[in-house]
Amino acid sequence: MKEFTPDKYLGHKINRISRSIDRYFDRKRCSKNECIPRSQGMMIGYIMDNPDRNIFQKDIEAEFHLSGATVTNMLKSLALVSLAAQAI
């Protein structure tokens, strides 16, 4: 079993606090689905900053240190936003 050290605990706490702050400001800024969350905007920026190469899900996972499930959900959400925008 892995040893749980204070350093790992502190890093985990900082990460959770950072994500909570991001979600808080996204809720304040993006009421009623009027915009996309900052994390999805950063993902779009990464894709647009690399027009000369094919970007795969694994590239996004590695760039932003996210799990596969998280990136999948973000991409699905962006696809829904795109479809909604096309319908309007």
C-alpha atoms as a PDB file:
ATOM      1  CA  MET A   1       0.000   0.000   0.000  1.00  0.00           C
ATOM      2  CA  LYS A   2       1.238   3.506  -0.833  1.00  0.00           C
ATOM      3  CA  GLU A   3       2.333   5.685   2.004  1.00  0.00           C
ATOM      4  CA  PHE A   4       0.213   8.804   2.445  1.00  0.00           C
ATOM      5  CA  THR A   5       2.516  11.759   3.063  1.00  0.00           C
ATOM      6  CA  PRO A   6       1.611  15.323   4.051  1.00  0.00           C
ATOM      7  CA  ASP A   7       3.082  16.571   0.745  1.00  0.00           C
ATOM      8  CA  LYS A   8       0.625  14.466  -1.265  1.00  0.00           C
ATOM      9  CA  TYR A   9      -2.216  15.525   0.999  1.00  0.00           C
ATOM     10  CA  LEU A  10      -1.374  19.215   0.576  1.00  0.00           C
ATOM     11  CA  GLY A  11      -1.102  18.891  -3.217  1.00  0.00           C
ATOM     12  CA  HIS A  12      -4.460  17.131  -3.336  1.00  0.00           C
ATOM     13  CA  LYS A  13      -6.071  19.849  -1.202  1.00  0.00           C
ATOM     14  CA  ILE A  14      -4.626  22.648  -3.366  1.00  0.00           C
ATOM     15  CA  ASN A  15      -5.906  20.927  -6.511  1.00  0.00           C
ATOM     16  CA  ARG A  16      -9.419  20.554  -5.036  1.00  0.00           C
ATOM     17  CA  ILE A  17      -9.469  24.195  -3.931  1.00  0.00           C
ATOM     18  CA  SER A  18      -8.334  25.329  -7.379  1.00  0.00           C
ATOM     19  CA  ARG A  19     -11.080  23.329  -9.092  1.00  0.00           C
ATOM     20  CA  SER A  20     -13.669  24.666  -6.653  1.00  0.00           C
ATOM     21  CA  ILE A  21     -12.620  28.245  -7.399  1.00  0.00           C
ATOM     22  CA  ASP A  22     -12.812  27.575 -11.150  1.00  0.00           C
ATOM     23  CA  ARG A  23     -16.320  26.123 -10.807  1.00  0.00           C
ATOM     24  CA  TYR A  24     -17.439  29.035  -8.627  1.00  0.00           C
ATOM     25  CA  PHE A  25     -16.360  31.660 -11.156  1.00  0.00           C
ATOM     26  CA  ASP A  26     -17.755  29.639 -14.054  1.00  0.00           C
ATOM     27  CA  ARG A  27     -21.156  29.611 -12.315  1.00  0.00           C
ATOM     28  CA  LYS A  28     -21.000  33.358 -11.674  1.00  0.00           C
ATOM     29  CA  ARG A  29     -19.882  34.156 -15.217  1.00  0.00           C
ATOM     30  CA  CYS A  30     -21.904  31.574 -17.129  1.00  0.00           C
ATOM     31  CA  SER A  31     -25.453  31.708 -15.928  1.00  0.00           C
ATOM     32  CA  LYS A  32     -28.077  29.849 -17.959  1.00  0.00           C
ATOM     33  CA  ASN A  33     -25.593  28.311 -20.469  1.00  0.00           C
ATOM     34  CA  GLU A  34     -24.689  31.665 -22.032  1.00  0.00           C
ATOM     35  CA  CYS A  35     -21.020  30.734 -22.320  1.00  0.00           C
ATOM     36  CA  ILE A  36     -18.693  27.792 -21.954  1.00  0.00           C
ATOM     37  CA  PRO A  37     -16.561  27.090 -18.869  1.00  0.00           C
ATOM     38  CA  ARG A  38     -12.953  28.301 -18.810  1.00  0.00           C
ATOM     39  CA  SER A  39     -11.593  24.756 -19.001  1.00  0.00           C
ATOM     40  CA  GLN A  40     -13.478  24.102 -22.241  1.00  0.00           C
ATOM     41  CA  GLY A  41     -12.316  27.454 -23.602  1.00  0.00           C
ATOM     42  CA  MET A  42      -8.731  26.492 -22.848  1.00  0.00           C
ATOM     43  CA  MET A  43      -9.251  23.204 -24.681  1.00  0.00           C
ATOM     44  CA  ILE A  44     -10.625  25.028 -27.733  1.00  0.00           C
ATOM     45  CA  GLY A  45      -7.655  27.414 -27.582  1.00  0.00           C
ATOM     46  CA  TYR A  46      -5.235  24.487 -27.528  1.00  0.00           C
ATOM     47  CA  ILE A  47      -6.882  22.959 -30.581  1.00  0.00           C
ATOM     48  CA  MET A  48      -6.882  26.273 -32.439  1.00  0.00           C
ATOM     49  CA  ASP A  49      -3.248  26.975 -31.524  1.00  0.00           C
ATOM     50  CA  ASN A  50      -2.229  23.740 -33.266  1.00  0.00           C
ATOM     51  CA  PRO A  51      -3.894  23.976 -36.699  1.00  0.00           C
ATOM     52  CA  ASP A  52      -1.098  22.084 -38.434  1.00  0.00           C
ATOM     53  CA  ARG A  53      -1.552  18.838 -36.509  1.00  0.00           C
ATOM     54  CA  ASN A  54      -4.328  16.436 -35.701  1.00  0.00           C
ATOM     55  CA  ILE A  55      -5.289  16.697 -32.022  1.00  0.00           C
ATOM     56  CA  PHE A  56      -6.514  13.512 -30.400  1.00  0.00           C
ATOM     57  CA  GLN A  57      -8.176  13.015 -27.038  1.00  0.00           C
ATOM     58  CA  LYS A  58      -4.931  11.604 -25.606  1.00  0.00           C
ATOM     59  CA  ASP A  59      -3.145  14.855 -26.567  1.00  0.00           C
ATOM     60  CA  ILE A  60      -5.687  16.904 -24.595  1.00  0.00           C
ATOM     61  CA  GLU A  61      -5.430  14.528 -21.637  1.00  0.00           C
ATOM     62  CA  ALA A  62      -1.646  14.907 -21.581  1.00  0.00           C
ATOM     63  CA  GLU A  63      -1.648  18.691 -22.111  1.00  0.00           C
ATOM     64  CA  PHE A  64      -4.119  19.459 -19.336  1.00  0.00           C
ATOM     65  CA  HIS A  65      -3.421  16.461 -17.050  1.00  0.00           C
ATOM     66  CA  LEU A  66      -7.032  15.268 -17.193  1.00  0.00           C
ATOM     67  CA  SER A  67      -8.520  11.784 -17.138  1.00  0.00           C
ATOM     68  CA  GLY A  68     -10.010  10.248 -20.244  1.00  0.00           C
ATOM     69  CA  ALA A  69     -13.525  10.400 -18.817  1.00  0.00           C
ATOM     70  CA  THR A  70     -13.185  14.115 -18.052  1.00  0.00           C
ATOM     71  CA  VAL A  71     -12.027  14.942 -21.571  1.00  0.00           C
ATOM     72  CA  THR A  72     -14.783  12.770 -23.062  1.00  0.00           C
ATOM     73  CA  ASN A  73     -17.423  14.652 -21.070  1.00  0.00           C
ATOM     74  CA  MET A  74     -15.950  18.014 -22.042  1.00  0.00           C
ATOM     75  CA  LEU A  75     -15.951  17.067 -25.732  1.00  0.00           C
ATOM     76  CA  LYS A  76     -19.536  15.802 -25.514  1.00  0.00           C
ATOM     77  CA  SER A  77     -20.600  19.039 -23.850  1.00  0.00           C
ATOM     78  CA  LEU A  78     -18.888  21.109 -26.537  1.00  0.00           C
ATOM     79  CA  ALA A  79     -20.591  19.048 -29.237  1.00  0.00           C
ATOM     80  CA  LEU A  80     -23.990  19.752 -27.627  1.00  0.00           C
ATOM     81  CA  VAL A  81     -23.227  23.478 -27.472  1.00  0.00           C
ATOM     82  CA  SER A  82     -22.231  23.401 -31.132  1.00  0.00           C
ATOM     83  CA  LEU A  83     -25.434  21.604 -32.114  1.00  0.00           C
ATOM     84  CA  ALA A  84     -27.534  24.046 -30.095  1.00  0.00           C
ATOM     85  CA  ALA A  85     -25.806  27.013 -31.742  1.00  0.00           C
ATOM     86  CA  GLN A  86     -26.452  25.557 -35.197  1.00  0.00           C
ATOM     87  CA  ALA A  87     -30.137  25.057 -34.368  1.00  0.00           C
ATOM     88  CA  ILE A  88     -30.575  28.720 -33.405  1.00  0.00           C
END
